[in-house]
PDB file of all heavy atoms in Angstrom:
ATOM      1  N   ASN A   1     152.055 103.533  57.602  1.00  0.00           N
ATOM      2  CA  ASN A   1     150.844 103.216  56.848  1.00  0.00           C
ATOM      3  C   ASN A   1     149.670 103.256  57.818  1.00  0.00           C
ATOM      4  O   ASN A   1     149.643 102.505  58.797  1.00  0.00           O
ATOM      5  CB  ASN A   1     150.929 101.830  56.206  1.00  0.00           C
ATOM      6  CG  ASN A   1     151.959 101.770  55.117  1.00  0.00           C
ATOM      7  OD1 ASN A   1     152.160 102.744  54.406  1.00  0.00           O
ATOM      8  ND2 ASN A   1     152.618 100.641  54.986  1.00  0.00           N
ATOM      9  N   ILE A   2     148.712 104.112  57.541  1.00  0.00           N
ATOM     10  CA  ILE A   2     147.538 104.273  58.394  1.00  0.00           C
ATOM     11  C   ILE A   2     146.364 103.626  57.670  1.00  0.00           C
ATOM     12  O   ILE A   2     145.996 104.053  56.575  1.00  0.00           O
ATOM     13  CB  ILE A   2     147.272 105.758  58.676  1.00  0.00           C
ATOM     14  CG1 ILE A   2     148.489 106.361  59.381  1.00  0.00           C
ATOM     15  CG2 ILE A   2     146.013 105.932  59.492  1.00  0.00           C
ATOM     16  CD1 ILE A   2     148.455 107.861  59.487  1.00  0.00           C
ATOM     17  N   GLU A   3     145.799 102.601  58.287  1.00  0.00           N
ATOM     18  CA  GLU A   3     144.715 101.852  57.669  1.00  0.00           C
ATOM     19  C   GLU A   3     143.506 101.828  58.592  1.00  0.00           C
ATOM     20  O   GLU A   3     143.614 101.404  59.745  1.00  0.00           O
ATOM     21  CB  GLU A   3     145.153 100.413  57.392  1.00  0.00           C
ATOM     22  CG  GLU A   3     146.354 100.300  56.503  1.00  0.00           C
ATOM     23  CD  GLU A   3     146.910  98.891  56.445  1.00  0.00           C
ATOM     24  OE1 GLU A   3     146.360  97.995  57.109  1.00  0.00           O
ATOM     25  OE2 GLU A   3     147.908  98.700  55.747  1.00  0.00           O
ATOM     26  N   PRO A   4     142.342 102.263  58.099  1.00  0.00           N
ATOM     27  CA  PRO A   4     141.136 102.197  58.932  1.00  0.00           C
ATOM     28  C   PRO A   4     140.604 100.771  59.001  1.00  0.00           C
ATOM     29  O   PRO A   4     140.590 100.051  58.003  1.00  0.00           O
ATOM     30  CB  PRO A   4     140.159 103.121  58.212  1.00  0.00           C
ATOM     31  CG  PRO A   4     140.614 103.145  56.807  1.00  0.00           C
ATOM     32  CD  PRO A   4     142.103 102.925  56.826  1.00  0.00           C
ATOM     33  N   ILE A   5     140.185 100.365  60.181  1.00  0.00           N
ATOM     34  CA  ILE A   5     139.550  99.056  60.358  1.00  0.00           C
ATOM     35  C   ILE A   5     138.036  99.259  60.473  1.00  0.00           C
ATOM     36  O   ILE A   5     137.276  98.646  59.755  1.00  0.00           O
ATOM     37  CB  ILE A   5     140.117  98.331  61.590  1.00  0.00           C
ATOM     38  CG1 ILE A   5     141.593  98.035  61.363  1.00  0.00           C
ATOM     39  CG2 ILE A   5     139.346  97.050  61.860  1.00  0.00           C
ATOM     40  CD1 ILE A   5     142.290  97.428  62.525  1.00  0.00           C
ATOM     41  N   THR A   6     137.641 100.132  61.388  1.00  0.00           N
ATOM     42  CA  THR A   6     136.251 100.567  61.498  1.00  0.00           C
ATOM     43  C   THR A   6     136.265 102.084  61.513  1.00  0.00           C
ATOM     44  O   THR A   6     137.309 102.704  61.276  1.00  0.00           O
ATOM     45  CB  THR A   6     135.592 100.020  62.778  1.00  0.00           C
ATOM     46  OG1 THR A   6     136.258 100.559  63.919  1.00  0.00           O
ATOM     47  CG2 THR A   6     135.646  98.503  62.825  1.00  0.00           C
ATOM     48  N   GLU A   7     135.125 102.699  61.811  1.00  0.00           N
ATOM     49  CA  GLU A   7     135.079 104.164  61.851  1.00  0.00           C
ATOM     50  C   GLU A   7     135.969 104.743  62.939  1.00  0.00           C
ATOM     51  O   GLU A   7     136.541 105.811  62.779  1.00  0.00           O
ATOM     52  CB  GLU A   7     133.643 104.642  62.051  1.00  0.00           C
ATOM     53  CG  GLU A   7     132.760 104.430  60.863  1.00  0.00           C
ATOM     54  CD  GLU A   7     131.357 104.940  61.104  1.00  0.00           C
ATOM     55  OE1 GLU A   7     131.139 105.611  62.132  1.00  0.00           O
ATOM     56  OE2 GLU A   7     130.498 104.669  60.263  1.00  0.00           O
ATOM     57  N   GLN A   8     136.073 104.054  64.063  1.00  0.00           N
ATOM     58  CA  GLN A   8     136.840 104.577  65.185  1.00  0.00           C
ATOM     59  C   GLN A   8     138.128 103.809  65.471  1.00  0.00           C
ATOM     60  O   GLN A   8     138.897 104.202  66.330  1.00  0.00           O
ATOM     61  CB  GLN A   8     135.976 104.569  66.454  1.00  0.00           C
ATOM     62  CG  GLN A   8     134.809 105.522  66.395  1.00  0.00           C
ATOM     63  CD  GLN A   8     135.256 106.970  66.298  1.00  0.00           C
ATOM     64  OE1 GLN A   8     136.246 107.364  66.932  1.00  0.00           O
ATOM     65  NE2 GLN A   8     134.562 107.750  65.508  1.00  0.00           N
ATOM     66  N   LEU A   9     138.384 102.728  64.779  1.00  0.00           N
ATOM     67  CA  LEU A   9     139.586 101.926  65.020  1.00  0.00           C
ATOM     68  C   LEU A   9     140.500 102.004  63.802  1.00  0.00           C
ATOM     69  O   LEU A   9     140.080 101.771  62.678  1.00  0.00           O
ATOM     70  CB  LEU A   9     139.217 100.474  65.306  1.00  0.00           C
ATOM     71  CG  LEU A   9     140.359  99.539  65.677  1.00  0.00           C
ATOM     72  CD1 LEU A   9     141.019  99.981  66.977  1.00  0.00           C
ATOM     73  CD2 LEU A   9     139.853  98.117  65.824  1.00  0.00           C
ATOM     74  N   THR A  10     141.763 102.362  64.057  1.00  0.00           N
ATOM     75  CA  THR A  10     142.736 102.549  62.986  1.00  0.00           C
ATOM     76  C   THR A  10     144.022 101.811  63.341  1.00  0.00           C
ATOM     77  O   THR A  10     144.430 101.793  64.496  1.00  0.00           O
ATOM     78  CB  THR A  10     143.029 104.045  62.800  1.00  0.00           C
ATOM     79  OG1 THR A  10     141.800 104.731  62.607  1.00  0.00           O
ATOM     80  CG2 THR A  10     143.919 104.295  61.619  1.00  0.00           C
ATOM     81  N   THR A  11     144.660 101.227  62.345  1.00  0.00           N
ATOM     82  CA  THR A  11     145.928 100.533  62.536  1.00  0.00           C
ATOM     83  C   THR A  11     147.056 101.358  61.941  1.00  0.00           C
ATOM     84  O   THR A  11     146.949 101.861  60.825  1.00  0.00           O
ATOM     85  CB  THR A  11     145.900  99.152  61.861  1.00  0.00           C
ATOM     86  OG1 THR A  11     144.866  98.389  62.447  1.00  0.00           O
ATOM     87  CG2 THR A  11     147.211  98.427  62.047  1.00  0.00           C
ATOM     88  N   LEU A  12     148.142 101.487  62.688  1.00  0.00           N
ATOM     89  CA  LEU A  12     149.337 102.194  62.242  1.00  0.00           C
ATOM     90  C   LEU A  12     150.461 101.176  62.112  1.00  0.00           C
ATOM     91  O   LEU A  12     150.835 100.529  63.086  1.00  0.00           O
ATOM     92  CB  LEU A  12     149.718 103.286  63.243  1.00  0.00           C
ATOM     93  CG  LEU A  12     151.003 104.049  62.959  1.00  0.00           C
ATOM     94  CD1 LEU A  12     150.816 104.939  61.744  1.00  0.00           C
ATOM     95  CD2 LEU A  12     151.394 104.871  64.160  1.00  0.00           C
ATOM     96  N   THR A  13     150.981 101.008  60.894  1.00  0.00           N
ATOM     97  CA  THR A  13     152.093 100.099  60.633  1.00  0.00           C
ATOM     98  C   THR A  13     153.354 100.927  60.433  1.00  0.00           C
ATOM     99  O   THR A  13     153.371 101.864  59.636  1.00  0.00           O
ATOM    100  CB  THR A  13     151.829  99.255  59.374  1.00  0.00           C
ATOM    101  OG1 THR A  13     150.575  98.604  59.513  1.00  0.00           O
ATOM    102  CG2 THR A  13     152.914  98.221  59.186  1.00  0.00           C
ATOM    103  N   ILE A  14     154.411 100.588  61.171  1.00  0.00           N
ATOM    104  CA  ILE A  14     155.668 101.331  61.123  1.00  0.00           C
ATOM    105  C   ILE A  14     156.743 100.452  60.488  1.00  0.00           C
ATOM    106  O   ILE A  14     157.021  99.355  60.963  1.00  0.00           O
ATOM    107  CB  ILE A  14     156.110 101.757  62.535  1.00  0.00           C
ATOM    108  CG1 ILE A  14     155.034 102.604  63.193  1.00  0.00           C
ATOM    109  CG2 ILE A  14     157.434 102.488  62.482  1.00  0.00           C
ATOM    110  CD1 ILE A  14     155.306 102.920  64.640  1.00  0.00           C
ATOM    111  N   ASN A  15     157.337 100.939  59.409  1.00  0.00           N
ATOM    112  CA  ASN A  15     158.455 100.266  58.744  1.00  0.00           C
ATOM    113  C   ASN A  15     159.682 101.166  58.843  1.00  0.00           C
ATOM    114  O   ASN A  15     159.625 102.333  58.462  1.00  0.00           O
ATOM    115  CB  ASN A  15     158.149 100.006  57.267  1.00  0.00           C
ATOM    116  CG  ASN A  15     157.046  99.007  57.078  1.00  0.00           C
ATOM    117  OD1 ASN A  15     156.965  98.031  57.801  1.00  0.00           O
ATOM    118  ND2 ASN A  15     156.186  99.263  56.117  1.00  0.00           N
ATOM    119  N   LEU A  16     160.783 100.610  59.336  1.00  0.00           N
ATOM    120  CA  LEU A  16     162.043 101.353  59.444  1.00  0.00           C
ATOM    121  C   LEU A  16     163.106 100.679  58.585  1.00  0.00           C
ATOM    122  O   LEU A  16     163.195  99.454  58.540  1.00  0.00           O
ATOM    123  CB  LEU A  16     162.540 101.356  60.891  1.00  0.00           C
ATOM    124  CG  LEU A  16     161.855 102.297  61.849  1.00  0.00           C
ATOM    125  CD1 LEU A  16     162.358 102.051  63.255  1.00  0.00           C
ATOM    126  CD2 LEU A  16     162.114 103.720  61.467  1.00  0.00           C
ATOM    127  N   LYS A  17     163.909 101.504  57.937  1.00  0.00           N
ATOM    128  CA  LYS A  17     165.039 100.996  57.146  1.00  0.00           C
ATOM    129  C   LYS A  17     166.237 101.897  57.406  1.00  0.00           C
ATOM    130  O   LYS A  17     166.099 103.100  57.513  1.00  0.00           O
ATOM    131  CB  LYS A  17     164.715 101.013  55.653  1.00  0.00           C
ATOM    132  CG  LYS A  17     163.617 100.080  55.254  1.00  0.00           C
ATOM    133  CD  LYS A  17     163.353 100.173  53.786  1.00  0.00           C
ATOM    134  CE  LYS A  17     162.166  99.311  53.408  1.00  0.00           C
ATOM    135  NZ  LYS A  17     161.782  99.454  52.023  1.00  0.00           N
ATOM    136  N   THR A  18     167.408 101.272  57.496  1.00  0.00           N
ATOM    137  CA  THR A  18     168.640 102.040  57.609  1.00  0.00           C
ATOM    138  C   THR A  18     169.370 101.966  56.273  1.00  0.00           C
ATOM    139  O   THR A  18     169.203 101.009  55.517  1.00  0.00           O
ATOM    140  CB  THR A  18     169.548 101.502  58.724  1.00  0.00           C
ATOM    141  OG1 THR A  18     169.817 100.137  58.473  1.00  0.00           O
ATOM    142  CG2 THR A  18     168.903 101.656  60.080  1.00  0.00           C
ATOM    143  N   LYS A  19     170.170 102.978  56.002  1.00  0.00           N
ATOM    144  CA  LYS A  19     170.885 103.013  54.726  1.00  0.00           C
ATOM    145  C   LYS A  19     171.928 101.905  54.654  1.00  0.00           C
ATOM    146  O   LYS A  19     172.066 101.240  53.638  1.00  0.00           O
ATOM    147  CB  LYS A  19     171.528 104.388  54.547  1.00  0.00           C
ATOM    148  CG  LYS A  19     172.053 104.619  53.168  1.00  0.00           C
ATOM    149  CD  LYS A  19     172.423 106.042  52.941  1.00  0.00           C
ATOM    150  CE  LYS A  19     172.814 106.245  51.498  1.00  0.00           C
ATOM    151  NZ  LYS A  19     173.095 107.620  51.192  1.00  0.00           N
ATOM    152  N   ASN A  20     172.675 101.700  55.731  1.00  0.00           N
ATOM    153  CA  ASN A  20     173.681 100.634  55.791  1.00  0.00           C
ATOM    154  C   ASN A  20     173.311  99.692  56.933  1.00  0.00           C
ATOM    155  O   ASN A  20     173.649  99.952  58.079  1.00  0.00           O
ATOM    156  CB  ASN A  20     175.079 101.214  56.039  1.00  0.00           C
ATOM    157  CG  ASN A  20     175.513 102.142  54.943  1.00  0.00           C
ATOM    158  OD1 ASN A  20     175.212 101.906  53.790  1.00  0.00           O
ATOM    159  ND2 ASN A  20     176.205 103.211  55.301  1.00  0.00           N
ATOM    160  N   PRO A  21     172.620  98.592  56.637  1.00  0.00           N
ATOM    161  CA  PRO A  21     172.182  97.710  57.715  1.00  0.00           C
ATOM    162  C   PRO A  21     173.352  97.045  58.435  1.00  0.00           C
ATOM    163  O   PRO A  21     174.254  96.506  57.813  1.00  0.00           O
ATOM    164  CB  PRO A  21     171.301  96.678  57.017  1.00  0.00           C
ATOM    165  CG  PRO A  21     171.476  96.869  55.572  1.00  0.00           C
ATOM    166  CD  PRO A  21     172.201  98.148  55.335  1.00  0.00           C
ATOM    167  N   SER A  22     173.331  97.127  59.726  1.00  0.00           N
ATOM    168  CA  SER A  22     174.275  96.413  60.585  1.00  0.00           C
ATOM    169  C   SER A  22     173.588  96.252  61.937  1.00  0.00           C
ATOM    170  O   SER A  22     172.525  96.820  62.178  1.00  0.00           O
ATOM    171  CB  SER A  22     175.590  97.175  60.739  1.00  0.00           C
ATOM    172  OG  SER A  22     175.404  98.334  61.507  1.00  0.00           O
ATOM    173  N   LYS A  23     174.189  95.475  62.818  1.00  0.00           N
ATOM    174  CA  LYS A  23     173.560  95.239  64.116  1.00  0.00           C
ATOM    175  C   LYS A  23     173.445  96.535  64.909  1.00  0.00           C
ATOM    176  O   LYS A  23     172.428  96.799  65.532  1.00  0.00           O
ATOM    177  CB  LYS A  23     174.349  94.198  64.898  1.00  0.00           C
ATOM    178  CG  LYS A  23     173.670  93.768  66.151  1.00  0.00           C
ATOM    179  CD  LYS A  23     174.369  92.608  66.791  1.00  0.00           C
ATOM    180  CE  LYS A  23     173.597  92.178  68.025  1.00  0.00           C
ATOM    181  NZ  LYS A  23     174.148  90.988  68.624  1.00  0.00           N
ATOM    182  N   MET A  24     174.476  97.360  64.877  1.00  0.00           N
ATOM    183  CA  MET A  24     174.444  98.621  65.612  1.00  0.00           C
ATOM    184  C   MET A  24     173.387  99.567  65.039  1.00  0.00           C
ATOM    185  O   MET A  24     172.649 100.207  65.774  1.00  0.00           O
ATOM    186  CB  MET A  24     175.807  99.292  65.568  1.00  0.00           C
ATOM    187  CG  MET A  24     175.905 100.534  66.393  1.00  0.00           C
ATOM    188  SD  MET A  24     177.613 101.098  66.356  1.00  0.00           S
ATOM    189  CE  MET A  24     177.358 102.830  66.397  1.00  0.00           C
ATOM    190  N   ASN A  25     173.294  99.639  63.711  1.00  0.00           N
ATOM    191  CA  ASN A  25     172.298 100.493  63.080  1.00  0.00           C
ATOM    192  C   ASN A  25     170.883 100.001  63.362  1.00  0.00           C
ATOM    193  O   ASN A  25     169.972 100.802  63.525  1.00  0.00           O
ATOM    194  CB  ASN A  25     172.528 100.581  61.576  1.00  0.00           C
ATOM    195  CG  ASN A  25     173.771 101.365  61.231  1.00  0.00           C
ATOM    196  OD1 ASN A  25     174.350 102.040  62.077  1.00  0.00           O
ATOM    197  ND2 ASN A  25     174.203 101.257  59.996  1.00  0.00           N
ATOM    198  N   ASP A  26     170.695  98.669  63.420  1.00  0.00           N
ATOM    199  CA  ASP A  26     169.382  98.131  63.732  1.00  0.00           C
ATOM    200  C   ASP A  26     168.970  98.467  65.170  1.00  0.00           C
ATOM    201  O   ASP A  26     167.814  98.780  65.425  1.00  0.00           O
ATOM    202  CB  ASP A  26     169.355  96.618  63.521  1.00  0.00           C
ATOM    203  CG  ASP A  26     169.433  96.233  62.056  1.00  0.00           C
ATOM    204  OD1 ASP A  26     169.159  97.105  61.195  1.00  0.00           O
ATOM    205  OD2 ASP A  26     169.770  95.073  61.776  1.00  0.00           O
ATOM    206  N   GLN A  27     169.914  98.410  66.094  1.00  0.00           N
ATOM    207  CA  GLN A  27     169.613  98.788  67.484  1.00  0.00           C
ATOM    208  C   GLN A  27     169.275 100.269  67.574  1.00  0.00           C
ATOM    209  O   GLN A  27     168.362 100.662  68.294  1.00  0.00           O
ATOM    210  CB  GLN A  27     170.793  98.454  68.389  1.00  0.00           C
ATOM    211  CG  GLN A  27     170.996  96.976  68.592  1.00  0.00           C
ATOM    212  CD  GLN A  27     172.263  96.668  69.354  1.00  0.00           C
ATOM    213  OE1 GLN A  27     173.091  97.537  69.606  1.00  0.00           O
ATOM    214  NE2 GLN A  27     172.426  95.403  69.723  1.00  0.00           N
ATOM    215  N   TYR A  28     169.995 101.084  66.852  1.00  0.00           N
ATOM    216  CA  TYR A  28     169.716 102.518  66.815  1.00  0.00           C
ATOM    217  C   TYR A  28     168.329 102.775  66.213  1.00  0.00           C
ATOM    218  O   TYR A  28     167.563 103.594  66.717  1.00  0.00           O
ATOM    219  CB  TYR A  28     170.796 103.239  66.013  1.00  0.00           C
ATOM    220  CG  TYR A  28     170.551 104.713  65.841  1.00  0.00           C
ATOM    221  CD1 TYR A  28     170.570 105.585  66.921  1.00  0.00           C
ATOM    222  CD2 TYR A  28     170.293 105.232  64.576  1.00  0.00           C
ATOM    223  CE1 TYR A  28     170.331 106.929  66.761  1.00  0.00           C
ATOM    224  CE2 TYR A  28     170.064 106.576  64.398  1.00  0.00           C
ATOM    225  CZ  TYR A  28     170.082 107.425  65.495  1.00  0.00           C
ATOM    226  OH  TYR A  28     169.844 108.767  65.323  1.00  0.00           O
ATOM    227  N   ALA A  29     167.989 102.035  65.165  1.00  0.00           N
ATOM    228  CA  ALA A  29     166.670 102.188  64.539  1.00  0.00           C
ATOM    229  C   ALA A  29     165.563 101.798  65.500  1.00  0.00           C
ATOM    230  O   ALA A  29     164.524 102.461  65.568  1.00  0.00           O
ATOM    231  CB  ALA A  29     166.592 101.348  63.268  1.00  0.00           C
ATOM    232  N   ARG A  30     165.768 100.732  66.268  1.00  0.00           N
ATOM    233  CA  ARG A  30     164.756 100.333  67.253  1.00  0.00           C
ATOM    234  C   ARG A  30     164.578 101.391  68.326  1.00  0.00           C
ATOM    235  O   ARG A  30     163.468 101.651  68.769  1.00  0.00           O
ATOM    236  CB  ARG A  30     165.132  98.993  67.879  1.00  0.00           C
ATOM    237  CG  ARG A  30     164.759  97.830  67.017  1.00  0.00           C
ATOM    238  CD  ARG A  30     164.874  96.508  67.764  1.00  0.00           C
ATOM    239  NE  ARG A  30     165.477  95.564  66.838  1.00  0.00           N
ATOM    240  CZ  ARG A  30     166.704  95.082  66.930  1.00  0.00           C
ATOM    241  NH1 ARG A  30     167.471  95.428  67.934  1.00  0.00           N
ATOM    242  NH2 ARG A  30     167.162  94.245  66.028  1.00  0.00           N
ATOM    243  N   SER A  31     165.671 102.009  68.750  1.00  0.00           N
ATOM    244  CA  SER A  31     165.546 103.066  69.766  1.00  0.00           C
ATOM    245  C   SER A  31     164.824 104.288  69.195  1.00  0.00           C
ATOM    246  O   SER A  31     164.023 104.914  69.885  1.00  0.00           O
ATOM    247  CB  SER A  31     166.912 103.454  70.323  1.00  0.00           C
ATOM    248  OG  SER A  31     167.668 104.154  69.361  1.00  0.00           O
ATOM    249  N   ILE A  32     165.070 104.602  67.929  1.00  0.00           N
ATOM    250  CA  ILE A  32     164.360 105.704  67.268  1.00  0.00           C
ATOM    251  C   ILE A  32     162.872 105.389  67.184  1.00  0.00           C
ATOM    252  O   ILE A  32     162.020 106.243  67.427  1.00  0.00           O
ATOM    253  CB  ILE A  32     164.947 105.956  65.854  1.00  0.00           C
ATOM    254  CG1 ILE A  32     166.355 106.510  65.957  1.00  0.00           C
ATOM    255  CG2 ILE A  32     164.066 106.872  65.036  1.00  0.00           C
ATOM    256  CD1 ILE A  32     166.435 107.915  66.481  1.00  0.00           C
ATOM    257  N   GLU A  33     162.549 104.139  66.851  1.00  0.00           N
ATOM    258  CA  GLU A  33     161.142 103.735  66.758  1.00  0.00           C
ATOM    259  C   GLU A  33     160.458 103.815  68.123  1.00  0.00           C
ATOM    260  O   GLU A  33     159.334 104.312  68.235  1.00  0.00           O
ATOM    261  CB  GLU A  33     161.043 102.313  66.210  1.00  0.00           C
ATOM    262  CG  GLU A  33     159.619 101.840  66.047  1.00  0.00           C
ATOM    263  CD  GLU A  33     159.552 100.443  65.473  1.00  0.00           C
ATOM    264  OE1 GLU A  33     160.599  99.860  65.147  1.00  0.00           O
ATOM    265  OE2 GLU A  33     158.426  99.946  65.343  1.00  0.00           O
ATOM    266  N   ASP A  34     161.133 103.353  69.174  1.00  0.00           N
ATOM    267  CA  ASP A  34     160.561 103.431  70.518  1.00  0.00           C
ATOM    268  C   ASP A  34     160.332 104.880  70.941  1.00  0.00           C
ATOM    269  O   ASP A  34     159.292 105.206  71.527  1.00  0.00           O
ATOM    270  CB  ASP A  34     161.467 102.737  71.531  1.00  0.00           C
ATOM    271  CG  ASP A  34     161.500 101.227  71.339  1.00  0.00           C
ATOM    272  OD1 ASP A  34     160.567 100.683  70.715  1.00  0.00           O
ATOM    273  OD2 ASP A  34     162.462 100.601  71.827  1.00  0.00           O
ATOM    274  N   ASP A  35     161.292 105.741  70.641  1.00  0.00           N
ATOM    275  CA  ASP A  35     161.138 107.161  70.971  1.00  0.00           C
ATOM    276  C   ASP A  35     159.973 107.779  70.212  1.00  0.00           C
ATOM    277  O   ASP A  35     159.210 108.579  70.762  1.00  0.00           O
ATOM    278  CB  ASP A  35     162.418 107.932  70.663  1.00  0.00           C
ATOM    279  CG  ASP A  35     163.564 107.561  71.585  1.00  0.00           C
ATOM    280  OD1 ASP A  35     163.305 106.977  72.657  1.00  0.00           O
ATOM    281  OD2 ASP A  35     164.726 107.853  71.227  1.00  0.00           O
ATOM    282  N   PHE A  36     159.814 107.404  68.934  1.00  0.00           N
ATOM    283  CA  PHE A  36     158.701 107.935  68.152  1.00  0.00           C
ATOM    284  C   PHE A  36     157.365 107.466  68.713  1.00  0.00           C
ATOM    285  O   PHE A  36     156.420 108.247  68.831  1.00  0.00           O
ATOM    286  CB  PHE A  36     158.825 107.532  66.683  1.00  0.00           C
ATOM    287  CG  PHE A  36     157.593 107.828  65.895  1.00  0.00           C
ATOM    288  CD1 PHE A  36     157.247 109.137  65.600  1.00  0.00           C
ATOM    289  CD2 PHE A  36     156.746 106.816  65.484  1.00  0.00           C
ATOM    290  CE1 PHE A  36     156.087 109.426  64.894  1.00  0.00           C
ATOM    291  CE2 PHE A  36     155.600 107.092  64.776  1.00  0.00           C
ATOM    292  CZ  PHE A  36     155.262 108.404  64.483  1.00  0.00           C
ATOM    293  N   ILE A  37     157.266 106.193  69.080  1.00  0.00           N
ATOM    294  CA  ILE A  37     156.012 105.666  69.622  1.00  0.00           C
ATOM    295  C   ILE A  37     155.665 106.354  70.938  1.00  0.00           C
ATOM    296  O   ILE A  37     154.506 106.712  71.174  1.00  0.00           O
ATOM    297  CB  ILE A  37     156.104 104.134  69.784  1.00  0.00           C
ATOM    298  CG1 ILE A  37     156.175 103.482  68.414  1.00  0.00           C
ATOM    299  CG2 ILE A  37     154.916 103.590  70.570  1.00  0.00           C
ATOM    300  CD1 ILE A  37     156.520 102.024  68.443  1.00  0.00           C
ATOM    301  N   ASN A  38     156.658 106.564  71.791  1.00  0.00           N
ATOM    302  CA  ASN A  38     156.409 107.279  73.045  1.00  0.00           C
ATOM    303  C   ASN A  38     155.926 108.700  72.779  1.00  0.00           C
ATOM    304  O   ASN A  38     155.002 109.189  73.436  1.00  0.00           O
ATOM    305  CB  ASN A  38     157.662 107.304  73.917  1.00  0.00           C
ATOM    306  CG  ASN A  38     157.982 105.955  74.503  1.00  0.00           C
ATOM    307  OD1 ASN A  38     157.108 105.104  74.641  1.00  0.00           O
ATOM    308  ND2 ASN A  38     159.245 105.740  74.819  1.00  0.00           N
ATOM    309  N   THR A  39     156.538 109.373  71.826  1.00  0.00           N
ATOM    310  CA  THR A  39     156.122 110.734  71.472  1.00  0.00           C
ATOM    311  C   THR A  39     154.707 110.727  70.890  1.00  0.00           C
ATOM    312  O   THR A  39     153.907 111.622  71.168  1.00  0.00           O
ATOM    313  CB  THR A  39     157.102 111.351  70.461  1.00  0.00           C
ATOM    314  OG1 THR A  39     158.409 111.305  71.021  1.00  0.00           O
ATOM    315  CG2 THR A  39     156.736 112.787  70.143  1.00  0.00           C
ATOM    316  N   LEU A  40     154.384 109.710  70.102  1.00  0.00           N
ATOM    317  CA  LEU A  40     153.049 109.599  69.526  1.00  0.00           C
ATOM    318  C   LEU A  40     151.990 109.443  70.614  1.00  0.00           C
ATOM    319  O   LEU A  40     150.968 110.131  70.601  1.00  0.00           O
ATOM    320  CB  LEU A  40     152.997 108.423  68.548  1.00  0.00           C
ATOM    321  CG  LEU A  40     151.722 108.213  67.778  1.00  0.00           C
ATOM    322  CD1 LEU A  40     151.459 109.399  66.840  1.00  0.00           C
ATOM    323  CD2 LEU A  40     151.784 106.940  66.984  1.00  0.00           C
TER     324      LEU A  40
END
């Protein structure tokens, strides 16, 4: 979700969901999110 705050300041909200939630899937999702943020 990309939301403008001012003309030059923007907030990016990231929501991740796994199809079958479990501790291992949540850790994998966090690593995917970290990789995406680094790429961004």
